[in-house]
Structure formats: C-alpha cells, structure tokens
C-alpha cells in the first residue's frame, strides 16, 4: 500500500513542479515571434492566420507539460502561411528568429514538422 501512495504523491508533486527551462524558453520564443508580426508588411488575412496559429502554439506551450507535437503543428501552420505570403524572405525579422528558436527547442519533432527555417 505504501508503494501506491508513494507513486500517487510523486505524480502529484510532478504535476505541481515549475516548468522546465526549455518550456520557459519555448514560451519566450513564441512570444518573440508574436511580437514580431507587427513589423511584417503582410495582408491582414495572412497576419490573422499566422497570429491564430501562434496563439494556439502559445496556449499549448503554456500548459504545465506542453505537447511538443501540438506546438510544432501550430508553428508549422504559421510558417507555411508566412512562407506562402513571402513573410520569411527577411531572415532577420523577430518572427523568424522566434520561430527558429522555438523549432530548435522542440528538437527533432520541430525540425520534422516545421523544417529548416
């Protein structure tokens, strides 16, 4: 019985633990990309689509234990829309820097879904 109690307590403690450094940095990278949208001269519908995808990625990243695949899918949608509209042409923008950092933090799943920016 003690073993079951220990497992439950360990699980509860893990759920309450603060976010890892990687998760905090992922959140910062997504926020940087969101803030950088203002500097892009893109049509309003494109900006709205990209912002919606970044908001969804930020919402998932805000979870105590974010689903990396889910975050990567949202970032991929934002990247594809930006690429279609020519928003990735300027590699020095805050959006691109934020996306690159987020992809790097997601590791292989980020690179697989988003690709190399």
N, C-alpha and C. Protein backbone atom coordinates (compact mmCIF):
# COMPACT_ATOMS: atom_id res chain seq x y z
N UNK A 1 0.82 -1.19 0.00
CA UNK A 1 0.00 0.00 0.00
C UNK A 1 0.86 1.26 0.00
N UNK A 2 1.99 1.23 0.69
CA UNK A 2 2.86 2.39 0.73
C UNK A 2 3.41 2.72 -0.66
N UNK A 3 3.68 1.69 -1.45
CA UNK A 3 4.21 1.92 -2.79
C UNK A 3 3.21 2.68 -3.64
N UNK A 4 1.94 2.32 -3.58
CA UNK A 4 0.91 3.03 -4.34
C UNK A 4 0.78 4.46 -3.87
N UNK A 5 0.85 4.68 -2.56
CA UNK A 5 0.77 6.03 -2.01
C UNK A 5 1.95 6.86 -2.49
N UNK A 6 3.14 6.27 -2.48
CA UNK A 6 4.32 6.98 -2.95
C UNK A 6 4.19 7.38 -4.41
N UNK A 7 3.68 6.47 -5.25
CA UNK A 7 3.52 6.78 -6.67
C UNK A 7 2.52 7.92 -6.89
N UNK A 8 1.45 7.91 -6.14
CA UNK A 8 0.45 8.97 -6.26
C UNK A 8 1.04 10.29 -5.81
N UNK A 9 1.77 10.29 -4.71
CA UNK A 9 2.40 11.52 -4.22
C UNK A 9 3.45 12.03 -5.19
N UNK A 10 4.23 11.13 -5.76
CA UNK A 10 5.25 11.53 -6.72
C UNK A 10 4.59 12.14 -7.95
N UNK A 11 3.52 11.53 -8.41
CA UNK A 11 2.79 12.04 -9.58
C UNK A 11 2.23 13.43 -9.28
N UNK A 12 1.64 13.60 -8.11
CA UNK A 12 1.06 14.89 -7.73
C UNK A 12 2.15 15.96 -7.65
N UNK A 13 3.29 15.63 -7.10
CA UNK A 13 4.39 16.58 -7.00
C UNK A 13 4.91 16.96 -8.37
N UNK A 14 4.96 16.00 -9.27
CA UNK A 14 5.44 16.29 -10.63
C UNK A 14 4.49 17.22 -11.36
N UNK A 15 3.20 17.09 -11.10
CA UNK A 15 2.21 17.94 -11.74
C UNK A 15 2.33 19.38 -11.26
N UNK A 16 2.77 19.58 -10.03
CA UNK A 16 2.87 20.91 -9.45
C UNK A 16 4.24 21.55 -9.67
N UNK A 17 5.19 20.81 -10.20
CA UNK A 17 6.53 21.35 -10.36
C UNK A 17 6.54 22.46 -11.41
N UNK A 18 7.45 23.41 -11.25
CA UNK A 18 7.51 24.51 -12.21
C UNK A 18 7.97 24.02 -13.58
N UNK A 19 7.69 24.83 -14.58
CA UNK A 19 8.06 24.46 -15.95
C UNK A 19 9.58 24.37 -16.08
N UNK A 20 10.01 23.51 -16.98
CA UNK A 20 11.44 23.36 -17.22
C UNK A 20 12.00 24.59 -17.93
N UNK A 21 13.30 24.69 -17.94
CA UNK A 21 13.96 25.79 -18.63
C UNK A 21 13.58 25.79 -20.11
N UNK A 22 13.54 24.61 -20.73
CA UNK A 22 13.21 24.51 -22.14
C UNK A 22 11.79 25.00 -22.42
N UNK A 23 10.86 24.67 -21.54
CA UNK A 23 9.48 25.11 -21.71
C UNK A 23 9.37 26.63 -21.58
N UNK A 24 10.05 27.19 -20.60
CA UNK A 24 10.04 28.65 -20.43
C UNK A 24 10.65 29.34 -21.64
N UNK A 25 11.74 28.80 -22.14
CA UNK A 25 12.39 29.39 -23.32
C UNK A 25 11.51 29.23 -24.56
N UNK A 26 10.81 28.12 -24.67
CA UNK A 26 9.87 27.91 -25.78
C UNK A 26 8.77 28.98 -25.75
N UNK A 27 8.25 29.23 -24.56
CA UNK A 27 7.22 30.26 -24.42
C UNK A 27 7.76 31.63 -24.84
N UNK A 28 8.99 31.94 -24.43
CA UNK A 28 9.60 33.22 -24.81
C UNK A 28 9.80 33.32 -26.33
N UNK A 29 10.22 32.24 -26.94
CA UNK A 29 10.45 32.25 -28.39
C UNK A 29 9.15 32.48 -29.16
N UNK A 30 8.09 31.84 -28.71
CA UNK A 30 6.80 32.03 -29.37
C UNK A 30 6.32 33.47 -29.17
N UNK A 31 6.49 34.00 -27.97
CA UNK A 31 6.10 35.40 -27.71
C UNK A 31 6.90 36.36 -28.58
N UNK A 32 8.18 36.08 -28.77
CA UNK A 32 9.03 36.91 -29.64
C UNK A 32 8.50 36.89 -31.08
N UNK A 33 8.11 35.72 -31.55
CA UNK A 33 7.56 35.62 -32.90
C UNK A 33 6.24 36.39 -33.00
N UNK A 34 5.41 36.29 -31.97
CA UNK A 34 4.14 37.01 -31.97
C UNK A 34 4.36 38.53 -32.03
N UNK A 35 5.28 39.02 -31.23
CA UNK A 35 5.56 40.46 -31.21
C UNK A 35 6.12 40.93 -32.54
N UNK A 36 6.86 40.08 -33.21
CA UNK A 36 7.48 40.45 -34.48
C UNK A 36 6.51 40.56 -35.63
N UNK A 37 5.30 40.06 -35.47
CA UNK A 37 4.32 40.13 -36.56
C UNK A 37 4.04 41.58 -36.97
N UNK A 38 4.11 42.50 -36.02
CA UNK A 38 3.82 43.91 -36.32
C UNK A 38 4.78 44.51 -37.34
N UNK A 39 6.00 43.98 -37.40
CA UNK A 39 6.99 44.56 -38.31
C UNK A 39 6.87 44.04 -39.75
N UNK A 40 6.01 43.05 -39.96
CA UNK A 40 5.84 42.50 -41.30
C UNK A 40 4.73 43.22 -42.06
N UNK A 41 5.02 43.53 -43.29
CA UNK A 41 4.02 44.19 -44.15
C UNK A 41 3.29 43.12 -44.95
N UNK A 42 2.36 42.46 -44.30
CA UNK A 42 1.60 41.39 -44.93
C UNK A 42 0.12 41.74 -44.90
N UNK A 43 -0.66 41.18 -45.82
CA UNK A 43 -2.10 41.42 -45.82
C UNK A 43 -2.74 40.98 -44.49
N UNK A 44 -3.78 41.68 -44.09
CA UNK A 44 -4.45 41.41 -42.82
C UNK A 44 -4.90 39.96 -42.66
N UNK A 45 -5.48 39.33 -43.70
CA UNK A 45 -5.89 37.93 -43.52
C UNK A 45 -4.71 37.01 -43.21
N UNK A 46 -3.56 37.28 -43.81
CA UNK A 46 -2.37 36.46 -43.54
C UNK A 46 -1.92 36.66 -42.10
N UNK A 47 -1.86 37.91 -41.66
CA UNK A 47 -1.46 38.19 -40.28
C UNK A 47 -2.41 37.53 -39.28
N UNK A 48 -3.70 37.56 -39.59
CA UNK A 48 -4.67 36.93 -38.70
C UNK A 48 -4.47 35.42 -38.63
N UNK A 49 -4.23 34.79 -39.78
CA UNK A 49 -3.98 33.34 -39.80
C UNK A 49 -2.73 32.98 -39.01
N UNK A 50 -1.66 33.73 -39.25
CA UNK A 50 -0.40 33.45 -38.55
C UNK A 50 -0.57 33.68 -37.06
N UNK A 51 -1.22 34.78 -36.70
CA UNK A 51 -1.43 35.09 -35.29
C UNK A 51 -2.27 34.00 -34.61
N UNK A 52 -3.27 33.50 -35.30
CA UNK A 52 -4.10 32.43 -34.76
C UNK A 52 -3.26 31.17 -34.48
N UNK A 53 -2.38 30.84 -35.41
CA UNK A 53 -1.51 29.67 -35.23
C UNK A 53 -0.52 29.87 -34.09
N UNK A 54 0.04 31.08 -34.00
CA UNK A 54 0.98 31.37 -32.92
C UNK A 54 0.26 31.40 -31.57
N UNK A 55 -0.96 31.90 -31.53
CA UNK A 55 -1.75 31.90 -30.30
C UNK A 55 -2.00 30.46 -29.84
N UNK A 56 -2.34 29.59 -30.78
CA UNK A 56 -2.58 28.18 -30.44
C UNK A 56 -1.30 27.53 -29.92
N UNK A 57 -0.16 27.85 -30.55
CA UNK A 57 1.13 27.32 -30.08
C UNK A 57 1.43 27.83 -28.68
N UNK A 58 1.18 29.12 -28.45
CA UNK A 58 1.43 29.71 -27.13
C UNK A 58 0.53 29.09 -26.07
N UNK A 59 -0.72 28.84 -26.44
CA UNK A 59 -1.66 28.23 -25.49
C UNK A 59 -1.20 26.83 -25.11
N UNK A 60 -0.75 26.07 -26.08
CA UNK A 60 -0.26 24.72 -25.79
C UNK A 60 1.03 24.79 -24.96
N UNK A 61 1.91 25.71 -25.30
CA UNK A 61 3.18 25.85 -24.57
C UNK A 61 2.95 26.33 -23.14
N UNK A 62 1.82 26.95 -22.86
CA UNK A 62 1.51 27.44 -21.52
C UNK A 62 1.06 26.33 -20.58
N UNK A 63 0.79 25.16 -21.12
CA UNK A 63 0.38 24.02 -20.29
C UNK A 63 1.56 23.60 -19.40
N UNK A 64 1.26 23.03 -18.25
CA UNK A 64 2.35 22.56 -17.38
C UNK A 64 3.29 21.58 -18.08
N UNK A 65 2.72 20.72 -18.91
CA UNK A 65 3.51 19.77 -19.70
C UNK A 65 3.04 19.86 -21.14
N UNK A 66 3.57 20.83 -21.89
CA UNK A 66 3.07 21.04 -23.26
C UNK A 66 3.33 19.84 -24.17
N UNK A 67 2.41 19.65 -25.09
CA UNK A 67 2.54 18.62 -26.11
C UNK A 67 3.43 19.19 -27.22
N UNK A 68 4.65 18.72 -27.30
CA UNK A 68 5.61 19.25 -28.28
C UNK A 68 5.11 19.08 -29.71
N UNK A 69 4.46 17.98 -29.98
CA UNK A 69 3.93 17.74 -31.32
C UNK A 69 2.87 18.78 -31.66
N UNK A 70 1.98 19.05 -30.70
CA UNK A 70 0.93 20.04 -30.92
C UNK A 70 1.52 21.43 -31.16
N UNK A 71 2.51 21.81 -30.36
CA UNK A 71 3.16 23.11 -30.54
C UNK A 71 3.80 23.17 -31.92
N UNK A 72 4.50 22.10 -32.31
CA UNK A 72 5.17 22.07 -33.60
C UNK A 72 4.16 22.16 -34.75
N UNK A 73 3.02 21.52 -34.62
CA UNK A 73 1.99 21.60 -35.67
C UNK A 73 1.52 23.04 -35.87
N UNK A 74 1.29 23.75 -34.78
CA UNK A 74 0.84 25.14 -34.86
C UNK A 74 1.93 26.04 -35.45
N UNK A 75 3.16 25.79 -35.05
CA UNK A 75 4.27 26.57 -35.61
C UNK A 75 4.46 26.27 -37.09
N UNK A 76 4.24 25.02 -37.47
CA UNK A 76 4.34 24.66 -38.89
C UNK A 76 3.27 25.38 -39.69
N UNK A 77 2.04 25.45 -39.17
CA UNK A 77 0.97 26.16 -39.87
C UNK A 77 1.32 27.63 -40.05
N UNK A 78 1.87 28.25 -39.01
CA UNK A 78 2.27 29.66 -39.09
C UNK A 78 3.39 29.84 -40.12
N UNK A 79 4.35 28.93 -40.10
CA UNK A 79 5.49 29.02 -41.01
C UNK A 79 5.05 28.85 -42.46
N UNK A 80 4.19 27.89 -42.72
CA UNK A 80 3.70 27.66 -44.09
C UNK A 80 2.97 28.89 -44.60
N UNK A 81 2.11 29.47 -43.76
CA UNK A 81 1.34 30.66 -44.17
C UNK A 81 2.27 31.83 -44.43
N UNK A 82 3.27 32.01 -43.58
CA UNK A 82 4.25 33.09 -43.79
C UNK A 82 5.04 32.87 -45.08
N UNK A 83 5.43 31.64 -45.30
CA UNK A 83 6.20 31.32 -46.49
C UNK A 83 5.39 31.58 -47.76
N UNK A 84 4.13 31.19 -47.75
CA UNK A 84 3.26 31.41 -48.90
C UNK A 84 3.10 32.90 -49.21
N UNK A 85 3.11 33.72 -48.16
CA UNK A 85 2.90 35.16 -48.32
C UNK A 85 4.21 35.94 -48.48
N UNK A 86 5.34 35.23 -48.45
CA UNK A 86 6.63 35.90 -48.59
C UNK A 86 7.15 36.52 -47.33
N UNK A 87 6.57 36.19 -46.18
CA UNK A 87 6.99 36.77 -44.91
C UNK A 87 8.26 36.19 -44.33
N UNK A 88 8.77 35.12 -44.93
CA UNK A 88 10.02 34.53 -44.44
C UNK A 88 11.22 35.00 -45.24
N UNK A 89 10.98 35.88 -46.19
CA UNK A 89 12.07 36.34 -47.06
C UNK A 89 13.13 37.09 -46.27
N UNK A 90 12.73 37.85 -45.26
CA UNK A 90 13.69 38.60 -44.45
C UNK A 90 14.07 37.77 -43.23
N UNK A 91 15.19 37.09 -43.33
CA UNK A 91 15.60 36.16 -42.28
C UNK A 91 15.97 36.86 -40.98
N UNK A 92 16.04 38.17 -40.98
CA UNK A 92 16.43 38.87 -39.77
C UNK A 92 15.27 39.33 -38.90
N UNK A 93 14.05 39.03 -39.30
CA UNK A 93 12.91 39.52 -38.53
C UNK A 93 12.77 38.79 -37.20
N UNK A 94 12.12 39.45 -36.26
CA UNK A 94 11.86 38.84 -34.95
C UNK A 94 11.00 37.59 -35.10
N UNK A 95 10.09 37.60 -36.05
CA UNK A 95 9.24 36.43 -36.27
C UNK A 95 10.10 35.22 -36.61
N UNK A 96 10.99 35.40 -37.56
CA UNK A 96 11.84 34.29 -38.00
C UNK A 96 12.77 33.85 -36.88
N UNK A 97 13.36 34.81 -36.16
CA UNK A 97 14.24 34.44 -35.04
C UNK A 97 13.47 33.67 -33.96
N UNK A 98 12.26 34.13 -33.66
CA UNK A 98 11.45 33.44 -32.66
C UNK A 98 11.07 32.04 -33.10
N UNK A 99 10.67 31.92 -34.38
CA UNK A 99 10.32 30.60 -34.90
C UNK A 99 11.52 29.65 -34.92
N UNK A 100 12.66 30.17 -35.33
CA UNK A 100 13.87 29.32 -35.35
C UNK A 100 14.21 28.81 -33.96
N UNK A 101 14.12 29.70 -32.98
CA UNK A 101 14.45 29.31 -31.61
C UNK A 101 13.44 28.27 -31.10
N UNK A 102 12.18 28.48 -31.37
CA UNK A 102 11.16 27.54 -30.93
C UNK A 102 11.37 26.17 -31.56
N UNK A 103 11.67 26.14 -32.85
CA UNK A 103 11.91 24.88 -33.55
C UNK A 103 13.12 24.16 -32.94
N UNK A 104 14.18 24.93 -32.67
CA UNK A 104 15.37 24.32 -32.06
C UNK A 104 15.04 23.72 -30.70
N UNK A 105 14.22 24.40 -29.92
CA UNK A 105 13.86 23.90 -28.59
C UNK A 105 12.97 22.67 -28.66
N UNK A 106 12.18 22.55 -29.72
CA UNK A 106 11.31 21.39 -29.87
C UNK A 106 12.10 20.16 -30.29
N UNK A 107 13.30 20.36 -30.81
CA UNK A 107 14.13 19.25 -31.20
C UNK A 107 13.70 18.60 -32.50
N UNK A 108 13.93 17.30 -32.64
CA UNK A 108 13.63 16.62 -33.92
C UNK A 108 12.19 16.76 -34.38
N UNK A 109 11.25 16.78 -33.46
CA UNK A 109 9.84 16.91 -33.87
C UNK A 109 9.60 18.28 -34.48
N UNK A 110 10.25 19.30 -33.96
CA UNK A 110 10.11 20.64 -34.52
C UNK A 110 10.69 20.73 -35.92
N UNK A 111 11.86 20.17 -36.09
CA UNK A 111 12.50 20.20 -37.41
C UNK A 111 11.71 19.37 -38.40
N UNK A 112 11.19 18.23 -37.94
CA UNK A 112 10.42 17.37 -38.85
C UNK A 112 9.14 18.05 -39.33
N UNK A 113 8.45 18.74 -38.46
CA UNK A 113 7.18 19.34 -38.82
C UNK A 113 7.33 20.73 -39.45
N UNK A 114 8.24 21.52 -38.92
CA UNK A 114 8.39 22.89 -39.41
C UNK A 114 9.43 22.96 -40.51
N UNK A 115 10.45 22.15 -40.42
CA UNK A 115 11.52 22.19 -41.40
C UNK A 115 12.57 23.22 -41.00
N UNK A 116 13.54 23.34 -41.83
CA UNK A 116 14.63 24.29 -41.55
C UNK A 116 14.21 25.67 -42.02
N UNK A 117 14.18 26.61 -41.10
CA UNK A 117 13.83 27.99 -41.45
C UNK A 117 15.06 28.74 -41.93
